[in-house]
Amino acid sequence: MKVGILTAGGDCPGLNAVIRAASRKLLNDGHEPVGLLRGFEGLADRDFMPLGRREVAGTIQLGGTILSTSSYNPFREPNGVEKVKSAVADEGFDAIIAIGGEHTMMMTRRLHEDEGIPTIGVPKTIDNDVTGTDFTFGFNTAVQTAVFAIDRLHTTAQSHNRVMILEVMGRNTGWIALFAAIAGGADGVLIPEVDLTVEELSESIKQRHAKGFNFSIIVVAEGAELAFASGEKRQVLATEATDQYGYPRLGGIGAALGEELERSTGFETRVTVLGHVQRGGTPTAYDRLLATEYGIKAAELAIAGEHGRMAALRGTQVVSVPLSDVTGVKTVDLHYLEIARTFFG
């Protein structure tokens, strides 16, 4: 059996652990794993690399992806679908394991359902916004990076009687921001799922200072909107330009919020933007384990001929679910917001 493996969309810690695990399982069972470079672009262009024991050795701790990645979408490229279908048939692939976020999973599902390509999905993203699975690998590492930053901001905020704002990634969901706020002991959080006005946050900070706390740490998700008591809402973008597929480039909400809070509270406010630091570097032990389980499950699905499926975490078990379970963006479980609010004010 010949199985192609690709990574698509943004990079995140743990991708190499999936590649390694799926390859080793396939090799151990007498099959041939093949790396497809730059996501579906590598499949369309037939740009491959071997994934033998030597190629995947020593990669579990590496960030990024040894296969490189891209946001190439065959449905949006000239003759993209035809190129992918021809490559699968001509090169004799029995299955394609696609590792990616919600857009990649929906693309993988469509290739299977509409074009008959034998695809299998593995959900990855630091944003944890893929439906059908409880958690994606990469998320734990991103949260840990944000918590490290909060730990360091606490000391300088307390020393200088400041409000410190930490802007984190997450696109249109607040998973990273909310988990980091809880684990880091933050004093407030803004997420896309729930509006919190500048006035409400300002009053909370003033009350903290009135109680004798001379600093506040606020975590804000990049996709949160700047909201006001008047009803005005404003999405802050890093640039008016969009990516190659028309998606907005988020970023800048931290600075905008900082200006508003300093004006309304009178407290000096500083902003830290983690940016792509959250997506790089060594994966945590948890993400290495989860990614390894995902890779093994994906290989097992390929060997069993169970296509149109995705490896998913349900509770503590990695199971197989239909790719049709990926129906869009998974928003935050607001139970966690209630936990966070226990420690605000």
Protein backbone atom coordinates (compact mmCIF):
# COMPACT_ATOMS: atom_id res chain seq x y z
CA MET A 1 0.00 0.00 0.00
CA LYS A 2 1.26 3.49 -0.91
CA VAL A 3 0.09 6.31 1.35
CA GLY A 4 0.77 10.00 0.80
CA ILE A 5 1.15 12.29 3.82
CA LEU A 6 0.87 16.08 3.66
CA THR A 7 0.68 19.10 5.96
CA ALA A 8 -1.48 22.02 4.85
CA GLY A 9 -2.36 25.48 6.15
CA GLY A 10 -0.39 27.16 8.92
CA ASP A 11 2.41 25.34 10.69
CA CYS A 12 2.15 24.36 14.35
CA PRO A 13 4.13 22.35 16.91
CA GLY A 14 3.50 18.61 16.61
CA LEU A 15 3.23 18.24 12.84
CA ASN A 16 6.44 16.24 12.64
CA ALA A 17 5.27 13.97 15.43
CA VAL A 18 2.21 13.03 13.33
CA ILE A 19 4.32 12.47 10.23
CA ARG A 20 6.75 10.32 12.22
CA ALA A 21 4.06 8.21 13.88
CA ALA A 22 2.02 7.60 10.72
CA SER A 23 5.16 6.75 8.75
CA ARG A 24 6.50 4.34 11.36
CA LYS A 25 3.16 2.54 11.68
CA LEU A 26 2.91 2.17 7.91
CA LEU A 27 6.52 1.01 7.58
CA ASN A 28 6.16 -1.49 10.42
CA ASP A 29 3.17 -3.02 8.66
CA GLY A 30 4.97 -3.29 5.32
CA HIS A 31 3.54 -0.24 3.56
CA GLU A 32 5.12 2.78 1.81
CA PRO A 33 4.61 6.28 3.23
CA VAL A 34 5.41 9.15 0.85
CA GLY A 35 5.76 12.80 1.82
CA LEU A 36 3.85 15.31 -0.31
CA LEU A 37 5.61 18.68 -0.17
CA ARG A 38 3.80 21.97 0.48
CA GLY A 39 0.40 20.44 1.16
CA PHE A 40 -1.95 19.68 -1.72
CA GLU A 41 0.33 21.72 -3.96
CA GLY A 42 2.93 18.95 -3.71
CA LEU A 43 0.34 16.37 -4.69
CA ALA A 44 -0.86 18.43 -7.65
CA ASP A 45 2.72 19.11 -8.81
CA ARG A 46 3.92 15.58 -7.91
CA ASP A 47 6.64 16.91 -5.64
CA PHE A 48 7.40 14.07 -3.23
CA MET A 49 9.98 12.87 -0.74
CA PRO A 50 10.51 9.45 0.87
CA LEU A 51 9.44 8.94 4.47
CA GLY A 52 11.64 6.08 5.55
CA ARG A 53 12.93 5.45 9.05
CA ARG A 54 15.93 7.66 8.45
CA GLU A 55 13.86 10.61 7.19
CA VAL A 56 11.56 10.65 10.22
CA ALA A 57 14.14 9.78 12.87
CA GLY A 58 14.71 12.47 15.49
CA THR A 59 11.78 14.63 14.39
CA ILE A 60 9.31 14.27 17.27
CA GLN A 61 10.78 17.29 19.09
CA LEU A 62 10.98 19.54 16.03
CA GLY A 63 8.55 22.38 15.41
CA GLY A 64 7.33 23.24 11.93
CA THR A 65 7.04 20.50 9.32
CA ILE A 66 9.67 18.56 7.41
CA LEU A 67 7.21 18.44 4.49
CA SER A 68 6.75 22.23 4.30
CA THR A 69 3.22 23.59 4.02
CA SER A 70 1.00 25.91 2.01
CA SER A 71 -2.62 27.02 1.80
CA TYR A 72 -2.97 25.65 -1.73
CA ASN A 73 -6.61 24.78 -2.38
CA PRO A 74 -7.12 22.62 -5.49
CA PHE A 75 -10.73 23.84 -5.77
CA ARG A 76 -9.49 27.42 -6.17
CA GLU A 77 -6.59 26.76 -8.50
CA PRO A 78 -6.74 26.32 -12.29
CA ASN A 79 -7.09 22.57 -13.00
CA GLY A 80 -6.20 21.92 -9.35
CA VAL A 81 -8.69 19.11 -8.78
CA GLU A 82 -7.79 17.42 -12.06
CA LYS A 83 -4.10 17.58 -11.18
CA VAL A 84 -4.73 16.04 -7.76
CA LYS A 85 -6.92 13.26 -9.16
CA SER A 86 -4.41 12.45 -11.89
CA ALA A 87 -1.51 12.36 -9.42
CA VAL A 88 -3.37 9.97 -7.10
CA ALA A 89 -4.24 7.64 -9.99
CA ASP A 90 -0.95 7.81 -11.91
CA GLU A 91 1.30 7.50 -8.84
CA GLY A 92 -0.75 4.67 -7.37
CA PHE A 93 -1.68 6.22 -4.02
CA ASP A 94 -4.04 4.06 -1.98
CA ALA A 95 -4.73 6.84 0.53
CA ILE A 96 -3.85 10.45 1.30
CA ILE A 97 -3.41 11.53 4.93
CA ALA A 98 -3.99 15.28 5.15
CA ILE A 99 -2.91 17.07 8.35
CA GLY A 100 -4.45 20.51 8.74
CA GLY A 101 -7.00 22.85 10.26
CA GLU A 102 -10.70 23.30 9.61
CA HIS A 103 -10.25 24.58 6.05
CA THR A 104 -7.97 21.65 5.21
CA MET A 105 -10.41 19.17 6.79
CA MET A 106 -13.35 20.53 4.79
CA MET A 107 -11.22 20.45 1.63
CA THR A 108 -10.18 16.87 2.44
CA ARG A 109 -13.82 15.90 2.95
CA ARG A 110 -14.85 17.46 -0.35
CA LEU A 111 -12.07 15.69 -2.26
CA HIS A 112 -13.37 12.38 -0.89
CA GLU A 113 -17.11 12.98 -1.24
CA ASP A 114 -17.12 14.83 -4.57
CA GLU A 115 -14.06 13.43 -6.32
CA GLY A 116 -13.68 9.94 -4.83
CA ILE A 117 -10.14 10.53 -3.58
CA PRO A 118 -9.27 8.21 -0.64
CA THR A 119 -8.53 10.86 1.99
CA ILE A 120 -8.05 10.72 5.77
CA GLY A 121 -7.85 13.78 8.00
CA VAL A 122 -5.77 14.70 11.05
CA PRO A 123 -6.88 17.90 12.85
CA LYS A 124 -4.15 20.38 13.71
CA THR A 125 -4.15 24.02 14.72
CA ILE A 126 -2.98 26.09 17.64
CA ASP A 127 -6.45 27.70 17.58
CA ASN A 128 -8.32 24.52 18.67
CA ASP A 129 -11.22 25.53 16.43
CA VAL A 130 -11.77 22.30 14.47
CA THR A 131 -15.19 20.76 15.06
CA GLY A 132 -15.45 17.01 15.57
CA THR A 133 -12.57 16.79 18.04
CA ASP A 134 -12.19 17.93 21.64
CA PHE A 135 -8.66 19.25 21.16
CA THR A 136 -6.17 19.67 18.35
CA PHE A 137 -2.44 19.22 18.78
CA GLY A 138 -0.47 22.47 18.77
CA PHE A 139 -3.01 24.14 21.04
CA ASN A 140 -1.34 23.02 24.27
CA THR A 141 2.02 24.37 23.14
CA ALA A 142 0.54 27.73 22.13
CA VAL A 143 -1.22 28.08 25.48
CA GLN A 144 1.96 27.20 27.33
CA THR A 145 3.86 29.86 25.39
CA ALA A 146 1.20 32.44 26.30
CA VAL A 147 1.31 31.41 29.97
CA PHE A 148 5.09 31.81 30.03
CA ALA A 149 4.57 35.36 28.72
CA ILE A 150 1.94 36.15 31.36
CA ASP A 151 4.25 34.89 34.10
CA ARG A 152 6.90 37.35 32.97
CA LEU A 153 4.47 40.22 32.50
CA HIS A 154 3.26 39.83 36.08
CA THR A 155 6.62 40.82 37.54
CA THR A 156 7.10 43.95 35.45
CA ALA A 157 3.44 44.99 35.77
CA GLN A 158 3.59 44.76 39.55
CA SER A 159 6.89 46.60 39.73
CA HIS A 160 5.68 49.57 37.68
CA ASN A 161 1.99 49.85 38.65
CA ARG A 162 0.84 49.16 35.09
CA VAL A 163 -1.90 47.55 33.08
CA MET A 164 -0.34 44.95 30.78
CA ILE A 165 -2.18 43.63 27.73
CA LEU A 166 -1.17 40.40 26.02
CA GLU A 167 -2.51 39.85 22.50
CA VAL A 168 -2.59 36.21 21.45
CA MET A 169 -3.56 34.32 18.30
CA GLY A 170 -6.70 32.23 17.81
CA ARG A 171 -8.29 33.84 14.75
CA ASN A 172 -12.05 34.00 15.33
CA THR A 173 -12.11 31.97 18.54
CA GLY A 174 -10.87 32.62 22.06
CA TRP A 175 -9.53 29.20 23.05
CA ILE A 176 -5.89 30.29 23.46
CA ALA A 177 -6.79 33.55 25.19
CA LEU A 178 -9.20 31.95 27.64
CA PHE A 179 -7.05 28.98 28.61
CA ALA A 180 -3.98 31.21 28.95
CA ALA A 181 -5.92 33.70 31.09
CA ILE A 182 -7.00 30.96 33.49
CA ALA A 183 -3.63 29.21 33.70
CA GLY A 184 -1.68 32.47 33.85
CA GLY A 185 -3.80 34.14 36.51
CA ALA A 186 -4.88 37.05 34.31
CA ASP A 187 -7.31 39.72 35.53
CA GLY A 188 -9.43 40.00 32.41
CA VAL A 189 -9.91 38.46 28.97
CA LEU A 190 -11.47 39.53 25.67
CA ILE A 191 -12.60 36.82 23.26
CA PRO A 192 -14.55 36.93 19.98
CA GLU A 193 -17.43 34.84 21.34
CA VAL A 194 -18.56 37.33 24.03
CA ASP A 195 -18.64 41.12 23.89
CA LEU A 196 -17.01 42.94 26.82
CA THR A 197 -17.11 46.70 26.45
CA VAL A 198 -14.17 48.99 27.05
CA GLU A 199 -16.21 50.67 29.77
CA GLU A 200 -16.89 47.38 31.60
CA LEU A 201 -13.25 46.37 31.46
CA SER A 202 -12.12 49.84 32.60
CA GLU A 203 -14.46 49.70 35.60
CA SER A 204 -13.14 46.25 36.54
CA ILE A 205 -9.56 47.53 36.45
CA LYS A 206 -10.45 50.59 38.55
CA GLN A 207 -12.13 48.37 41.13
CA ARG A 208 -9.03 46.18 41.32
CA HIS A 209 -6.84 49.19 42.00
CA ALA A 210 -9.33 50.48 44.58
CA LYS A 211 -8.94 47.16 46.42
CA GLY A 212 -5.18 47.67 46.63
CA PHE A 213 -4.01 45.76 43.55
CA ASN A 214 -1.65 48.07 41.71
CA PHE A 215 -1.53 46.20 38.39
CA SER A 216 -3.74 44.24 35.99
CA ILE A 217 -3.02 41.65 33.29
CA ILE A 218 -5.48 41.49 30.40
CA VAL A 219 -5.41 38.82 27.68
CA VAL A 220 -7.07 39.58 24.35
CA ALA A 221 -7.66 37.28 21.37
CA GLU A 222 -6.64 38.71 18.01
CA GLY A 223 -10.15 38.18 16.60
CA ALA A 224 -12.00 40.00 19.40
CA GLU A 225 -13.84 43.19 18.51
CA LEU A 226 -13.39 46.49 20.29
CA ALA A 227 -16.85 47.10 21.79
CA PHE A 228 -18.27 50.17 23.53
CA ALA A 229 -21.26 50.89 25.77
CA SER A 230 -22.73 52.96 22.94
CA GLY A 231 -23.16 49.79 20.90
CA GLU A 232 -20.28 50.60 18.58
CA LYS A 233 -18.10 47.64 17.60
CA ARG A 234 -14.87 47.75 15.68
CA GLN A 235 -12.79 44.92 14.27
CA VAL A 236 -9.10 45.75 14.29
CA LEU A 237 -6.98 44.37 11.45
CA ALA A 238 -3.22 44.28 11.04
CA THR A 239 -3.61 45.51 7.48
CA GLU A 240 -6.37 46.21 4.99
CA ALA A 241 -4.82 43.58 2.72
CA THR A 242 -6.10 40.01 2.83
CA ASP A 243 -4.33 36.73 2.22
CA GLN A 244 -4.35 35.00 -1.17
CA TYR A 245 -7.82 33.56 -0.53
CA GLY A 246 -9.43 36.70 0.81
CA TYR A 247 -9.21 36.03 4.55
CA PRO A 248 -8.53 39.10 6.74
CA ARG A 249 -5.18 39.44 8.50
CA LEU A 250 -6.02 39.86 12.14
CA GLY A 251 -3.88 41.73 14.65
CA GLY A 252 -3.68 45.06 16.42
CA ILE A 253 -6.57 44.72 18.86
CA GLY A 254 -4.09 44.82 21.78
CA ALA A 255 -2.73 48.24 20.87
CA ALA A 256 -6.20 49.64 20.19
CA LEU A 257 -7.49 48.33 23.50
CA GLY A 258 -4.44 49.66 25.32
CA GLU A 259 -5.07 53.20 24.10
CA GLU A 260 -8.70 53.07 25.18
CA LEU A 261 -7.93 51.65 28.63
CA GLU A 262 -5.16 54.15 29.36
CA ARG A 263 -7.47 56.99 28.38
CA SER A 264 -10.38 55.74 30.49
CA THR A 265 -8.51 54.49 33.58
CA GLY A 266 -5.56 56.87 33.73
CA PHE A 267 -3.23 53.91 34.36
CA GLU A 268 -0.14 53.46 32.22
CA THR A 269 -0.82 50.60 29.80
CA ARG A 270 1.67 48.52 27.83
CA VAL A 271 0.98 45.94 25.11
CA THR A 272 2.77 42.72 24.18
CA VAL A 273 1.92 40.85 20.97
CA LEU A 274 3.11 37.25 20.87
CA GLY A 275 2.38 36.73 17.18
CA HIS A 276 4.00 33.78 15.46
CA VAL A 277 6.07 32.92 18.53
CA GLN A 278 3.01 30.88 19.55
CA ARG A 279 3.22 28.74 16.42
CA GLY A 280 6.90 27.95 16.50
CA GLY A 281 9.34 25.99 18.56
CA THR A 282 9.35 22.71 20.40
CA PRO A 283 5.99 21.02 21.06
CA THR A 284 5.06 20.22 24.65
CA ALA A 285 5.07 16.61 25.84
CA TYR A 286 1.25 16.59 25.69
CA ASP A 287 1.21 17.73 22.06
CA ARG A 288 3.86 15.14 21.14
CA LEU A 289 1.75 12.38 22.67
CA LEU A 290 -1.51 13.58 21.12
CA ALA A 291 0.11 14.04 17.71
CA THR A 292 1.63 10.57 17.93
CA GLU A 293 -1.75 9.02 18.71
CA TYR A 294 -3.31 10.93 15.82
CA GLY A 295 -0.62 9.69 13.44
CA ILE A 296 -1.05 6.07 14.50
CA LYS A 297 -4.84 6.29 14.13
CA ALA A 298 -4.55 7.88 10.67
CA ALA A 299 -2.21 5.10 9.52
CA GLU A 300 -4.59 2.47 10.90
CA LEU A 301 -7.46 4.04 8.97
CA ALA A 302 -5.39 4.02 5.77
CA ILE A 303 -4.43 0.36 6.23
CA ALA A 304 -8.07 -0.59 6.92
CA GLY A 305 -9.27 1.33 3.86
CA GLU A 306 -11.50 3.56 6.01
CA HIS A 307 -11.48 6.75 3.96
CA GLY A 308 -13.45 9.94 4.48
CA ARG A 309 -12.62 9.73 8.19
CA MET A 310 -10.69 11.90 10.64
CA ALA A 311 -8.69 11.02 13.74
CA ALA A 312 -10.27 12.84 16.69
CA LEU A 313 -9.92 13.16 20.44
CA ARG A 314 -13.10 12.32 22.34
CA GLY A 315 -12.52 12.46 26.07
CA THR A 316 -9.25 10.62 26.59
CA GLN A 317 -9.51 8.38 23.53
CA VAL A 318 -8.36 9.01 19.96
CA VAL A 319 -11.11 7.67 17.72
CA SER A 320 -12.27 7.82 14.11
CA VAL A 321 -15.07 10.20 13.11
CA PRO A 322 -16.53 11.06 9.68
CA LEU A 323 -14.96 14.07 7.98
CA SER A 324 -18.54 15.29 7.68
CA ASP A 325 -18.33 16.05 11.43
CA VAL A 326 -16.11 19.02 10.53
CA THR A 327 -18.85 21.56 9.95
CA GLY A 328 -17.10 24.87 10.58
CA VAL A 329 -15.38 26.74 13.37
CA LYS A 330 -15.62 25.40 16.93
CA THR A 331 -16.18 28.27 19.34
CA VAL A 332 -15.17 28.38 22.99
CA ASP A 333 -17.02 26.40 25.62
CA LEU A 334 -18.26 29.29 27.77
CA HIS A 335 -17.98 27.10 30.87
CA TYR A 336 -14.32 28.09 30.84
CA LEU A 337 -15.22 31.78 30.79
CA GLU A 338 -17.21 31.34 33.99
CA ILE A 339 -14.16 29.72 35.58
CA ALA A 340 -11.98 32.64 34.47
CA ARG A 341 -14.41 35.25 35.85
CA THR A 342 -14.04 33.75 39.32
CA PHE A 343 -10.61 35.38 39.50
CA PHE A 344 -11.34 38.74 37.87
CA GLY A 345 -11.84 41.94 39.87
